[in-house]
Amino acid sequence: MDLDADKIDEAALALLYLTLHDIQMVWKGMDWEVTGRLFAKGLILNPVNKSKQMTLTDEGLQAAEAACRRLFSAPS
């Protein structure tokens, strides 16, 4: 898959904006509300643990790949 780095950077910046606090500060990790919704939808396993990583379900893996292709594929 050929990816458009500019689209990826724009999406990452948008995700960082969702964690905005104290005028210009953002969190490095994914927002807890977002991970909670992904868990409720069955796309990831329980994100509440000490690990800094999360596990995608089979459905979540398929949805993640489809979203990556839709949002970030470079024009042909």
N, C-alpha and C. Protein backbone atom coordinates (compact mmCIF):
# COMPACT_ATOMS: atom_id res chain seq x y z
N MET A 1 0.85 -1.17 0.00
CA MET A 1 0.00 0.00 0.00
C MET A 1 0.90 1.23 0.00
N ASP A 2 0.70 2.13 -0.94
CA ASP A 2 1.45 3.39 -1.02
C ASP A 2 0.69 4.43 -0.18
N LEU A 3 1.33 4.95 0.87
CA LEU A 3 0.68 5.86 1.80
C LEU A 3 1.10 7.30 1.56
N ASP A 4 0.16 8.22 1.79
CA ASP A 4 0.40 9.66 1.64
C ASP A 4 0.78 10.20 3.03
N ALA A 5 2.06 10.48 3.23
CA ALA A 5 2.57 10.93 4.53
C ALA A 5 1.91 12.22 4.98
N ASP A 6 1.57 13.11 4.06
CA ASP A 6 0.92 14.37 4.44
C ASP A 6 -0.45 14.11 5.05
N LYS A 7 -1.21 13.15 4.50
CA LYS A 7 -2.52 12.81 5.07
C LYS A 7 -2.36 12.20 6.46
N ILE A 8 -1.35 11.35 6.63
CA ILE A 8 -1.09 10.74 7.93
C ILE A 8 -0.73 11.81 8.95
N ASP A 9 0.14 12.73 8.58
CA ASP A 9 0.54 13.81 9.49
C ASP A 9 -0.66 14.67 9.87
N GLU A 10 -1.52 14.96 8.91
CA GLU A 10 -2.71 15.78 9.17
C GLU A 10 -3.65 15.07 10.14
N ALA A 11 -3.85 13.76 9.95
CA ALA A 11 -4.72 13.00 10.85
C ALA A 11 -4.12 12.92 12.25
N ALA A 12 -2.81 12.72 12.33
CA ALA A 12 -2.14 12.67 13.64
C ALA A 12 -2.28 14.00 14.36
N LEU A 13 -2.12 15.09 13.63
CA LEU A 13 -2.28 16.41 14.23
C LEU A 13 -3.71 16.63 14.72
N ALA A 14 -4.69 16.16 13.94
CA ALA A 14 -6.09 16.28 14.34
C ALA A 14 -6.35 15.47 15.60
N LEU A 15 -5.77 14.27 15.70
CA LEU A 15 -5.95 13.45 16.90
C LEU A 15 -5.30 14.12 18.11
N LEU A 16 -4.14 14.73 17.91
CA LEU A 16 -3.50 15.45 19.01
C LEU A 16 -4.37 16.61 19.48
N TYR A 17 -5.02 17.29 18.53
CA TYR A 17 -5.89 18.41 18.88
C TYR A 17 -7.03 17.97 19.81
N LEU A 18 -7.48 16.73 19.65
CA LEU A 18 -8.56 16.22 20.50
C LEU A 18 -8.15 16.14 21.96
N THR A 19 -6.85 16.13 22.24
CA THR A 19 -6.38 16.05 23.63
C THR A 19 -5.88 17.40 24.15
N LEU A 20 -6.18 18.47 23.43
CA LEU A 20 -5.70 19.81 23.77
C LEU A 20 -6.14 20.24 25.17
N HIS A 21 -5.20 20.79 25.93
CA HIS A 21 -5.49 21.35 27.25
C HIS A 21 -4.45 22.42 27.56
N ASP A 22 -4.73 23.27 28.50
CA ASP A 22 -3.80 24.34 28.91
C ASP A 22 -3.26 25.12 27.70
N ILE A 23 -4.13 25.52 26.85
CA ILE A 23 -3.88 26.37 25.67
C ILE A 23 -3.17 25.64 24.52
N GLN A 24 -1.95 25.11 24.74
CA GLN A 24 -1.24 24.49 23.63
C GLN A 24 -0.67 23.12 23.95
N MET A 25 -1.03 22.54 25.08
CA MET A 25 -0.49 21.25 25.48
C MET A 25 -1.40 20.12 24.96
N VAL A 26 -0.78 19.02 24.54
CA VAL A 26 -1.53 17.84 24.10
C VAL A 26 -0.91 16.60 24.74
N TRP A 27 -1.72 15.54 24.84
CA TRP A 27 -1.24 14.27 25.40
C TRP A 27 -0.61 13.44 24.30
N LYS A 28 0.43 12.68 24.66
CA LYS A 28 1.09 11.82 23.68
C LYS A 28 0.27 10.60 23.34
N GLY A 29 -0.53 10.13 24.27
CA GLY A 29 -1.31 8.91 24.06
C GLY A 29 -2.70 9.20 23.52
N MET A 30 -3.39 8.15 23.17
CA MET A 30 -4.76 8.26 22.66
C MET A 30 -5.70 8.61 23.81
N ASP A 31 -6.67 9.45 23.53
CA ASP A 31 -7.66 9.87 24.50
C ASP A 31 -8.43 8.66 25.06
N TRP A 32 -8.65 8.62 26.38
CA TRP A 32 -9.34 7.50 27.02
C TRP A 32 -10.76 7.34 26.51
N GLU A 33 -11.44 8.43 26.22
CA GLU A 33 -12.81 8.32 25.71
C GLU A 33 -12.82 7.63 24.35
N VAL A 34 -11.83 7.92 23.52
CA VAL A 34 -11.74 7.28 22.20
C VAL A 34 -11.49 5.79 22.37
N THR A 35 -10.52 5.42 23.20
CA THR A 35 -10.24 3.99 23.38
C THR A 35 -11.42 3.28 24.01
N GLY A 36 -12.14 3.97 24.89
CA GLY A 36 -13.34 3.38 25.49
C GLY A 36 -14.41 3.09 24.44
N ARG A 37 -14.58 4.02 23.51
CA ARG A 37 -15.57 3.81 22.43
C ARG A 37 -15.13 2.67 21.51
N LEU A 38 -13.85 2.61 21.17
CA LEU A 38 -13.35 1.53 20.33
C LEU A 38 -13.55 0.18 21.02
N PHE A 39 -13.34 0.13 22.33
CA PHE A 39 -13.57 -1.09 23.10
C PHE A 39 -15.05 -1.46 23.09
N ALA A 40 -15.92 -0.48 23.31
CA ALA A 40 -17.36 -0.72 23.32
C ALA A 40 -17.86 -1.23 21.96
N LYS A 41 -17.20 -0.80 20.89
CA LYS A 41 -17.57 -1.24 19.54
C LYS A 41 -16.97 -2.60 19.19
N GLY A 42 -16.14 -3.14 20.10
CA GLY A 42 -15.53 -4.44 19.86
C GLY A 42 -14.34 -4.40 18.91
N LEU A 43 -13.72 -3.22 18.75
CA LEU A 43 -12.61 -3.08 17.82
C LEU A 43 -11.24 -3.28 18.48
N ILE A 44 -11.18 -3.11 19.81
CA ILE A 44 -9.95 -3.37 20.56
C ILE A 44 -10.31 -4.16 21.81
N LEU A 45 -9.31 -4.85 22.37
CA LEU A 45 -9.52 -5.51 23.65
C LEU A 45 -9.42 -4.46 24.74
N ASN A 46 -9.77 -4.82 25.96
CA ASN A 46 -9.82 -3.87 27.08
C ASN A 46 -8.54 -3.04 27.17
N PRO A 47 -8.65 -1.72 26.99
CA PRO A 47 -7.45 -0.87 27.00
C PRO A 47 -6.98 -0.48 28.40
N VAL A 48 -7.72 -0.86 29.42
CA VAL A 48 -7.37 -0.45 30.79
C VAL A 48 -6.40 -1.45 31.38
N ASN A 49 -5.11 -1.15 31.26
CA ASN A 49 -4.06 -1.97 31.85
C ASN A 49 -2.79 -1.13 31.92
N LYS A 50 -1.71 -1.71 32.40
CA LYS A 50 -0.46 -0.95 32.57
C LYS A 50 0.35 -0.85 31.29
N SER A 51 -0.02 -1.62 30.29
CA SER A 51 0.72 -1.63 29.03
C SER A 51 0.46 -0.35 28.23
N LYS A 52 1.43 0.06 27.45
CA LYS A 52 1.26 1.23 26.59
C LYS A 52 0.76 0.83 25.20
N GLN A 53 0.45 -0.46 25.03
CA GLN A 53 -0.06 -0.93 23.75
C GLN A 53 -1.47 -1.49 23.92
N MET A 54 -2.19 -1.56 22.80
CA MET A 54 -3.54 -2.11 22.80
C MET A 54 -3.60 -3.21 21.75
N THR A 55 -4.57 -4.11 21.89
CA THR A 55 -4.73 -5.20 20.95
C THR A 55 -6.01 -5.01 20.14
N LEU A 56 -5.86 -5.05 18.81
CA LEU A 56 -7.02 -4.98 17.94
C LEU A 56 -7.71 -6.34 17.90
N THR A 57 -9.03 -6.33 17.85
CA THR A 57 -9.76 -7.57 17.60
C THR A 57 -9.65 -7.87 16.11
N ASP A 58 -10.14 -9.03 15.68
CA ASP A 58 -10.12 -9.35 14.25
C ASP A 58 -10.91 -8.31 13.46
N GLU A 59 -12.09 -7.95 13.98
CA GLU A 59 -12.92 -6.92 13.34
C GLU A 59 -12.19 -5.57 13.35
N GLY A 60 -11.52 -5.26 14.46
CA GLY A 60 -10.79 -4.01 14.57
C GLY A 60 -9.64 -3.94 13.59
N LEU A 61 -8.95 -5.06 13.38
CA LEU A 61 -7.85 -5.09 12.43
C LEU A 61 -8.36 -4.81 11.02
N GLN A 62 -9.46 -5.42 10.64
CA GLN A 62 -10.04 -5.18 9.31
C GLN A 62 -10.49 -3.74 9.17
N ALA A 63 -11.14 -3.19 10.20
CA ALA A 63 -11.62 -1.81 10.17
C ALA A 63 -10.44 -0.83 10.11
N ALA A 64 -9.37 -1.13 10.86
CA ALA A 64 -8.19 -0.26 10.88
C ALA A 64 -7.51 -0.22 9.51
N GLU A 65 -7.39 -1.39 8.88
CA GLU A 65 -6.78 -1.42 7.55
C GLU A 65 -7.63 -0.66 6.54
N ALA A 66 -8.95 -0.86 6.60
CA ALA A 66 -9.85 -0.17 5.68
C ALA A 66 -9.77 1.34 5.87
N ALA A 67 -9.73 1.78 7.13
CA ALA A 67 -9.64 3.23 7.42
C ALA A 67 -8.31 3.78 6.93
N CYS A 68 -7.25 3.04 7.14
CA CYS A 68 -5.92 3.48 6.70
C CYS A 68 -5.91 3.65 5.18
N ARG A 69 -6.46 2.69 4.47
CA ARG A 69 -6.51 2.77 3.00
C ARG A 69 -7.37 3.97 2.56
N ARG A 70 -8.54 4.13 3.21
CA ARG A 70 -9.48 5.20 2.81
C ARG A 70 -8.90 6.58 3.10
N LEU A 71 -8.29 6.75 4.26
CA LEU A 71 -7.82 8.06 4.68
C LEU A 71 -6.43 8.43 4.15
N PHE A 72 -5.57 7.46 3.99
CA PHE A 72 -4.16 7.77 3.77
C PHE A 72 -3.57 7.29 2.46
N SER A 73 -4.31 6.58 1.63
CA SER A 73 -3.73 6.09 0.38
C SER A 73 -3.33 7.25 -0.52
N ALA A 74 -2.15 7.12 -1.08
CA ALA A 74 -1.68 8.15 -2.01
C ALA A 74 -2.46 8.05 -3.31
N PRO A 75 -2.68 9.17 -3.98
CA PRO A 75 -3.40 9.13 -5.25
C PRO A 75 -2.63 8.30 -6.28
N SER A 76 -3.38 7.59 -7.09
CA SER A 76 -2.73 6.74 -8.12
C SER A 76 -2.45 7.53 -9.37
